[in-house]
């Protein structure tokens, strides 16, 4: 598989709907991620959700919309303790709905492509 074949889904909280988040800074990081994907020939799709009751359904729909090589779960979902149950639900959705995808974790939206590539390098071969 070449880099240009990679399909990466990035799951994160929408910075415009998440209290206490600098939406401008997060959007700038997403723009850097889009630029990196474009340069690498990676198909990058963002699934940004509001922290509400519809979030899991939105993520499930995105996971089932196509076959993903890697699914990146953003730090806004992973890091804050109040989001722990949501993070667990996301990991289990990825496990079931995108079972063949490598699961990756970024440090910011800007390094989502690098995170996906790292996860794919470190994952067992797909059969």
N, C-alpha and C. Protein backbone atom coordinates (compact mmCIF):
# COMPACT_ATOMS: atom_id res chain seq x y z
N UNK A 1 0.85 -1.18 0.00
CA UNK A 1 0.00 0.00 0.00
C UNK A 1 0.89 1.23 0.00
N UNK A 2 0.61 2.17 -0.88
CA UNK A 2 1.37 3.42 -0.90
C UNK A 2 0.68 4.44 -0.02
N UNK A 3 1.42 5.50 0.29
CA UNK A 3 0.84 6.56 1.12
C UNK A 3 -0.41 7.12 0.48
N UNK A 4 -0.43 7.21 -0.84
CA UNK A 4 -1.58 7.81 -1.50
C UNK A 4 -2.82 6.93 -1.40
N UNK A 5 -2.65 5.71 -0.96
CA UNK A 5 -3.81 4.84 -0.76
C UNK A 5 -4.42 4.99 0.63
N UNK A 6 -3.77 5.69 1.52
CA UNK A 6 -4.21 5.73 2.91
C UNK A 6 -5.47 6.56 3.10
N UNK A 7 -6.41 5.99 3.83
CA UNK A 7 -7.64 6.68 4.22
C UNK A 7 -7.63 6.78 5.74
N UNK A 8 -7.65 8.02 6.23
CA UNK A 8 -7.52 8.28 7.65
C UNK A 8 -8.73 9.06 8.14
N UNK A 9 -9.36 8.56 9.20
CA UNK A 9 -10.46 9.26 9.85
C UNK A 9 -9.93 9.84 11.16
N UNK A 10 -10.12 11.13 11.36
CA UNK A 10 -9.73 11.79 12.60
C UNK A 10 -11.01 12.12 13.38
N UNK A 11 -11.10 11.60 14.60
CA UNK A 11 -12.27 11.83 15.45
C UNK A 11 -11.86 12.80 16.55
N UNK A 12 -12.63 13.87 16.68
CA UNK A 12 -12.33 14.85 17.72
C UNK A 12 -13.56 15.65 18.07
N UNK A 13 -13.45 16.39 19.16
CA UNK A 13 -14.51 17.31 19.52
C UNK A 13 -14.43 18.54 18.62
N UNK A 14 -15.57 19.02 18.19
CA UNK A 14 -15.65 20.25 17.41
C UNK A 14 -15.27 21.40 18.32
N UNK A 15 -14.21 22.13 18.00
CA UNK A 15 -13.77 23.20 18.90
C UNK A 15 -14.79 24.33 19.05
N UNK A 16 -15.68 24.47 18.08
CA UNK A 16 -16.70 25.52 18.16
C UNK A 16 -17.82 25.18 19.15
N UNK A 17 -17.91 23.90 19.54
CA UNK A 17 -18.98 23.48 20.44
C UNK A 17 -18.45 22.97 21.78
N UNK A 18 -17.15 23.10 22.00
CA UNK A 18 -16.54 22.57 23.21
C UNK A 18 -16.12 23.71 24.13
N UNK A 19 -16.74 23.81 25.28
CA UNK A 19 -16.41 24.90 26.22
C UNK A 19 -14.94 24.89 26.63
N UNK A 20 -14.36 26.07 26.77
CA UNK A 20 -13.00 26.20 27.26
C UNK A 20 -11.91 25.90 26.25
N UNK A 21 -12.26 25.79 24.98
CA UNK A 21 -11.29 25.46 23.95
C UNK A 21 -11.04 26.70 23.09
N UNK A 22 -9.77 26.94 22.76
CA UNK A 22 -9.41 28.03 21.86
C UNK A 22 -9.65 27.53 20.43
N UNK A 23 -10.84 27.81 19.92
CA UNK A 23 -11.25 27.29 18.61
C UNK A 23 -10.30 27.72 17.51
N UNK A 24 -9.79 28.93 17.58
CA UNK A 24 -8.86 29.41 16.55
C UNK A 24 -7.59 28.60 16.51
N UNK A 25 -7.03 28.30 17.67
CA UNK A 25 -5.81 27.51 17.74
C UNK A 25 -6.04 26.08 17.24
N UNK A 26 -7.16 25.51 17.63
CA UNK A 26 -7.47 24.14 17.18
C UNK A 26 -7.69 24.12 15.67
N UNK A 27 -8.39 25.10 15.14
CA UNK A 27 -8.62 25.16 13.70
C UNK A 27 -7.30 25.31 12.95
N UNK A 28 -6.37 26.10 13.48
CA UNK A 28 -5.05 26.25 12.84
C UNK A 28 -4.33 24.90 12.81
N UNK A 29 -4.45 24.13 13.89
CA UNK A 29 -3.83 22.81 13.92
C UNK A 29 -4.49 21.87 12.92
N UNK A 30 -5.82 21.95 12.80
CA UNK A 30 -6.50 21.13 11.79
C UNK A 30 -6.05 21.52 10.39
N UNK A 31 -5.85 22.80 10.15
CA UNK A 31 -5.38 23.25 8.83
C UNK A 31 -4.00 22.68 8.54
N UNK A 32 -3.13 22.65 9.54
CA UNK A 32 -1.80 22.05 9.37
C UNK A 32 -1.93 20.57 9.03
N UNK A 33 -2.88 19.89 9.67
CA UNK A 33 -3.12 18.48 9.39
C UNK A 33 -3.61 18.27 7.96
N UNK A 34 -4.51 19.13 7.53
CA UNK A 34 -5.01 19.05 6.15
C UNK A 34 -3.87 19.26 5.15
N UNK A 35 -3.01 20.22 5.44
CA UNK A 35 -1.86 20.49 4.56
C UNK A 35 -0.92 19.28 4.51
N UNK A 36 -0.64 18.69 5.67
CA UNK A 36 0.23 17.52 5.72
C UNK A 36 -0.37 16.36 4.93
N UNK A 37 -1.67 16.17 5.06
CA UNK A 37 -2.35 15.09 4.33
C UNK A 37 -2.25 15.34 2.83
N UNK A 38 -2.48 16.57 2.43
CA UNK A 38 -2.42 16.91 1.01
C UNK A 38 -1.02 16.65 0.45
N UNK A 39 0.00 17.06 1.18
CA UNK A 39 1.39 16.84 0.73
C UNK A 39 1.72 15.36 0.64
N UNK A 40 1.18 14.56 1.57
CA UNK A 40 1.48 13.13 1.61
C UNK A 40 0.57 12.30 0.72
N UNK A 41 -0.45 12.93 0.14
CA UNK A 41 -1.39 12.17 -0.68
C UNK A 41 -2.33 11.31 0.14
N UNK A 42 -2.52 11.65 1.40
CA UNK A 42 -3.39 10.90 2.30
C UNK A 42 -4.80 11.49 2.23
N UNK A 43 -5.79 10.61 2.17
CA UNK A 43 -7.18 11.06 2.22
C UNK A 43 -7.54 11.18 3.70
N UNK A 44 -7.74 12.41 4.14
CA UNK A 44 -8.00 12.69 5.54
C UNK A 44 -9.42 13.20 5.69
N UNK A 45 -10.18 12.54 6.54
CA UNK A 45 -11.57 12.94 6.79
C UNK A 45 -11.69 13.24 8.28
N UNK A 46 -12.27 14.38 8.59
CA UNK A 46 -12.47 14.77 9.99
C UNK A 46 -13.90 14.46 10.40
N UNK A 47 -14.02 13.88 11.57
CA UNK A 47 -15.33 13.65 12.20
C UNK A 47 -15.29 14.43 13.50
N UNK A 48 -15.77 15.66 13.44
CA UNK A 48 -15.76 16.53 14.61
C UNK A 48 -17.16 16.56 15.20
N UNK A 49 -17.24 16.23 16.47
CA UNK A 49 -18.55 16.11 17.12
C UNK A 49 -18.68 17.07 18.29
N UNK A 50 -19.89 17.47 18.54
CA UNK A 50 -20.20 18.23 19.75
C UNK A 50 -20.26 17.25 20.91
N UNK A 51 -19.86 17.67 22.10
CA UNK A 51 -19.95 16.76 23.25
C UNK A 51 -21.40 16.64 23.73
N UNK A 52 -22.20 15.91 22.95
CA UNK A 52 -23.61 15.77 23.27
C UNK A 52 -24.09 14.35 22.99
N UNK A 53 -25.37 14.14 23.13
CA UNK A 53 -25.95 12.80 23.00
C UNK A 53 -25.85 12.23 21.58
N UNK A 54 -25.66 13.07 20.57
CA UNK A 54 -25.59 12.60 19.19
C UNK A 54 -24.18 12.20 18.77
N UNK A 55 -23.18 12.47 19.59
CA UNK A 55 -21.79 12.28 19.21
C UNK A 55 -21.47 10.84 18.80
N UNK A 56 -21.86 9.87 19.61
CA UNK A 56 -21.53 8.47 19.29
C UNK A 56 -22.18 8.02 17.99
N UNK A 57 -23.41 8.43 17.75
CA UNK A 57 -24.08 8.06 16.50
C UNK A 57 -23.37 8.67 15.30
N UNK A 58 -22.91 9.90 15.46
CA UNK A 58 -22.17 10.56 14.38
C UNK A 58 -20.87 9.84 14.09
N UNK A 59 -20.15 9.45 15.14
CA UNK A 59 -18.90 8.72 14.98
C UNK A 59 -19.15 7.36 14.34
N UNK A 60 -20.17 6.67 14.80
CA UNK A 60 -20.49 5.35 14.23
C UNK A 60 -20.80 5.47 12.74
N UNK A 61 -21.54 6.49 12.36
CA UNK A 61 -21.85 6.70 10.95
C UNK A 61 -20.57 6.96 10.15
N UNK A 62 -19.69 7.77 10.67
CA UNK A 62 -18.43 8.05 9.96
C UNK A 62 -17.58 6.79 9.84
N UNK A 63 -17.50 6.01 10.90
CA UNK A 63 -16.72 4.77 10.85
C UNK A 63 -17.25 3.81 9.80
N UNK A 64 -18.56 3.76 9.65
CA UNK A 64 -19.15 2.83 8.69
C UNK A 64 -19.25 3.37 7.27
N UNK A 65 -18.84 4.60 7.06
CA UNK A 65 -19.02 5.21 5.74
C UNK A 65 -18.05 4.69 4.69
N UNK A 66 -16.93 4.12 5.11
CA UNK A 66 -15.96 3.54 4.19
C UNK A 66 -14.95 2.72 4.98
N UNK A 67 -14.03 2.09 4.29
CA UNK A 67 -12.97 1.32 4.94
C UNK A 67 -11.83 2.29 5.27
N UNK A 68 -11.40 2.27 6.53
CA UNK A 68 -10.34 3.17 6.99
C UNK A 68 -9.06 2.39 7.23
N UNK A 69 -7.93 2.96 6.85
CA UNK A 69 -6.64 2.35 7.16
C UNK A 69 -6.23 2.68 8.59
N UNK A 70 -6.57 3.87 9.02
CA UNK A 70 -6.25 4.29 10.37
C UNK A 70 -7.34 5.22 10.88
N UNK A 71 -7.60 5.11 12.17
CA UNK A 71 -8.53 6.01 12.84
C UNK A 71 -7.75 6.69 13.94
N UNK A 72 -7.70 8.02 13.88
CA UNK A 72 -6.98 8.81 14.87
C UNK A 72 -7.99 9.38 15.86
N UNK A 73 -7.77 9.12 17.14
CA UNK A 73 -8.64 9.65 18.19
C UNK A 73 -7.91 10.80 18.86
N UNK A 74 -8.50 11.98 18.77
CA UNK A 74 -7.84 13.19 19.25
C UNK A 74 -7.72 13.29 20.75
N UNK A 75 -6.77 14.12 21.16
CA UNK A 75 -6.48 14.32 22.58
C UNK A 75 -7.61 14.95 23.36
N UNK A 76 -8.44 15.74 22.69
CA UNK A 76 -9.57 16.35 23.39
C UNK A 76 -10.55 15.31 23.89
N UNK A 77 -10.56 14.16 23.23
CA UNK A 77 -11.41 13.05 23.66
C UNK A 77 -10.67 12.16 24.65
N UNK A 78 -9.38 11.96 24.46
CA UNK A 78 -8.60 11.04 25.29
C UNK A 78 -8.20 11.60 26.64
N UNK A 79 -7.84 12.86 26.68
CA UNK A 79 -7.14 13.38 27.86
C UNK A 79 -8.02 13.83 29.03
N UNK A 80 -9.08 14.56 28.82
CA UNK A 80 -9.80 15.04 30.01
C UNK A 80 -10.58 13.91 30.69
N UNK A 81 -10.38 13.80 31.99
CA UNK A 81 -11.05 12.72 32.75
C UNK A 81 -12.57 12.70 32.55
N UNK A 82 -13.26 13.83 32.46
CA UNK A 82 -14.71 13.76 32.26
C UNK A 82 -15.12 13.06 30.95
N UNK A 83 -14.19 12.97 29.99
CA UNK A 83 -14.51 12.33 28.71
C UNK A 83 -14.12 10.85 28.68
N UNK A 84 -13.70 10.29 29.81
CA UNK A 84 -13.21 8.91 29.83
C UNK A 84 -14.23 7.92 29.28
N UNK A 85 -15.48 7.98 29.71
CA UNK A 85 -16.48 7.04 29.21
C UNK A 85 -16.70 7.21 27.72
N UNK A 86 -16.69 8.45 27.24
CA UNK A 86 -16.84 8.70 25.80
C UNK A 86 -15.64 8.12 25.05
N UNK A 87 -14.44 8.31 25.57
CA UNK A 87 -13.23 7.75 24.96
C UNK A 87 -13.34 6.24 24.86
N UNK A 88 -13.75 5.59 25.94
CA UNK A 88 -13.92 4.13 25.91
C UNK A 88 -14.93 3.72 24.85
N UNK A 89 -16.03 4.45 24.76
CA UNK A 89 -17.06 4.13 23.76
C UNK A 89 -16.51 4.30 22.35
N UNK A 90 -15.71 5.33 22.12
CA UNK A 90 -15.12 5.55 20.79
C UNK A 90 -14.17 4.41 20.44
N UNK A 91 -13.30 4.02 21.36
CA UNK A 91 -12.37 2.92 21.09
C UNK A 91 -13.14 1.65 20.76
N UNK A 92 -14.20 1.36 21.49
CA UNK A 92 -14.99 0.16 21.21
C UNK A 92 -15.72 0.25 19.87
N UNK A 93 -16.19 1.45 19.51
CA UNK A 93 -16.81 1.62 18.20
C UNK A 93 -15.80 1.38 17.08
N UNK A 94 -14.61 1.92 17.24
CA UNK A 94 -13.56 1.69 16.22
C UNK A 94 -13.25 0.21 16.13
N UNK A 95 -13.12 -0.44 17.27
CA UNK A 95 -12.82 -1.88 17.30
C UNK A 95 -13.85 -2.68 16.52
N UNK A 96 -15.12 -2.34 16.65
CA UNK A 96 -16.19 -3.08 15.99
C UNK A 96 -16.43 -2.59 14.56
N UNK A 97 -16.50 -1.28 14.37
CA UNK A 97 -16.93 -0.73 13.08
C UNK A 97 -15.80 -0.56 12.07
N UNK A 98 -14.57 -0.51 12.54
CA UNK A 98 -13.42 -0.36 11.63
C UNK A 98 -12.32 -1.31 12.11
N UNK A 99 -12.69 -2.57 12.24
CA UNK A 99 -11.82 -3.57 12.86
C UNK A 99 -10.46 -3.69 12.19
N UNK A 100 -10.36 -3.42 10.91
CA UNK A 100 -9.09 -3.54 10.21
C UNK A 100 -8.22 -2.31 10.31
N UNK A 101 -8.72 -1.24 10.89
CA UNK A 101 -7.97 0.01 10.95
C UNK A 101 -7.00 0.02 12.12
N UNK A 102 -5.83 0.61 11.87
CA UNK A 102 -4.90 0.87 12.96
C UNK A 102 -5.46 2.02 13.77
N UNK A 103 -5.39 1.93 15.08
CA UNK A 103 -5.86 3.00 15.95
C UNK A 103 -4.66 3.86 16.32
N UNK A 104 -4.82 5.17 16.13
CA UNK A 104 -3.72 6.10 16.39
C UNK A 104 -4.18 7.20 17.33
N UNK A 105 -3.21 7.82 17.98
CA UNK A 105 -3.48 8.92 18.89
C UNK A 105 -2.53 10.05 18.54
N UNK A 106 -3.10 11.23 18.31
CA UNK A 106 -2.27 12.38 17.99
C UNK A 106 -1.96 13.19 19.25
N UNK A 107 -1.00 14.12 19.12
CA UNK A 107 -0.74 15.04 20.23
C UNK A 107 -1.47 16.35 20.00
N UNK A 108 -1.80 16.63 18.74
CA UNK A 108 -2.64 17.77 18.35
C UNK A 108 -3.18 17.44 16.98
N UNK A 109 -4.20 18.15 16.52
CA UNK A 109 -4.69 17.88 15.18
C UNK A 109 -3.62 18.00 14.10
N UNK A 110 -2.60 18.80 14.35
CA UNK A 110 -1.56 19.03 13.35
C UNK A 110 -0.76 17.77 13.02
N UNK A 111 -0.65 16.82 13.96
CA UNK A 111 0.16 15.63 13.67
C UNK A 111 -0.68 14.37 13.46
N UNK A 112 -1.91 14.54 13.01
CA UNK A 112 -2.79 13.39 12.77
C UNK A 112 -2.25 12.46 11.69
N UNK A 113 -1.71 13.02 10.61
CA UNK A 113 -1.17 12.18 9.53
C UNK A 113 0.03 11.39 10.04
N UNK A 114 0.92 12.05 10.75
CA UNK A 114 2.09 11.36 11.30
C UNK A 114 1.66 10.27 12.28
N UNK A 115 0.65 10.54 13.09
CA UNK A 115 0.14 9.54 14.03
C UNK A 115 -0.41 8.33 13.29
N UNK A 116 -1.18 8.57 12.24
CA UNK A 116 -1.74 7.47 11.44
C UNK A 116 -0.63 6.65 10.79
N UNK A 117 0.36 7.33 10.22
CA UNK A 117 1.47 6.61 9.57
C UNK A 117 2.25 5.78 10.59
N UNK A 118 2.49 6.34 11.78
CA UNK A 118 3.20 5.62 12.84
C UNK A 118 2.41 4.37 13.25
N UNK A 119 1.11 4.53 13.45
CA UNK A 119 0.27 3.41 13.86
C UNK A 119 0.27 2.31 12.81
N UNK A 120 0.25 2.70 11.55
CA UNK A 120 0.26 1.71 10.48
C UNK A 120 1.61 0.98 10.42
N UNK A 121 2.70 1.69 10.65
CA UNK A 121 4.03 1.04 10.68
C UNK A 121 4.13 0.04 11.83
N UNK A 122 3.51 0.38 12.96
CA UNK A 122 3.65 -0.45 14.16
C UNK A 122 2.57 -1.50 14.31
N UNK A 123 1.64 -1.57 13.38
CA UNK A 123 0.54 -2.53 13.46
C UNK A 123 0.93 -3.83 12.76
N UNK A 124 0.32 -4.94 13.20
CA UNK A 124 0.55 -6.19 12.50
C UNK A 124 0.05 -6.08 11.06
N UNK A 125 0.63 -6.84 10.16
CA UNK A 125 0.16 -6.81 8.76
C UNK A 125 -1.31 -7.16 8.67
N UNK A 126 -2.00 -6.50 7.76
CA UNK A 126 -3.44 -6.77 7.55
C UNK A 126 -3.56 -7.99 6.66
N UNK A 127 -4.53 -8.83 7.01
CA UNK A 127 -4.67 -10.08 6.27
C UNK A 127 -5.77 -10.14 5.34
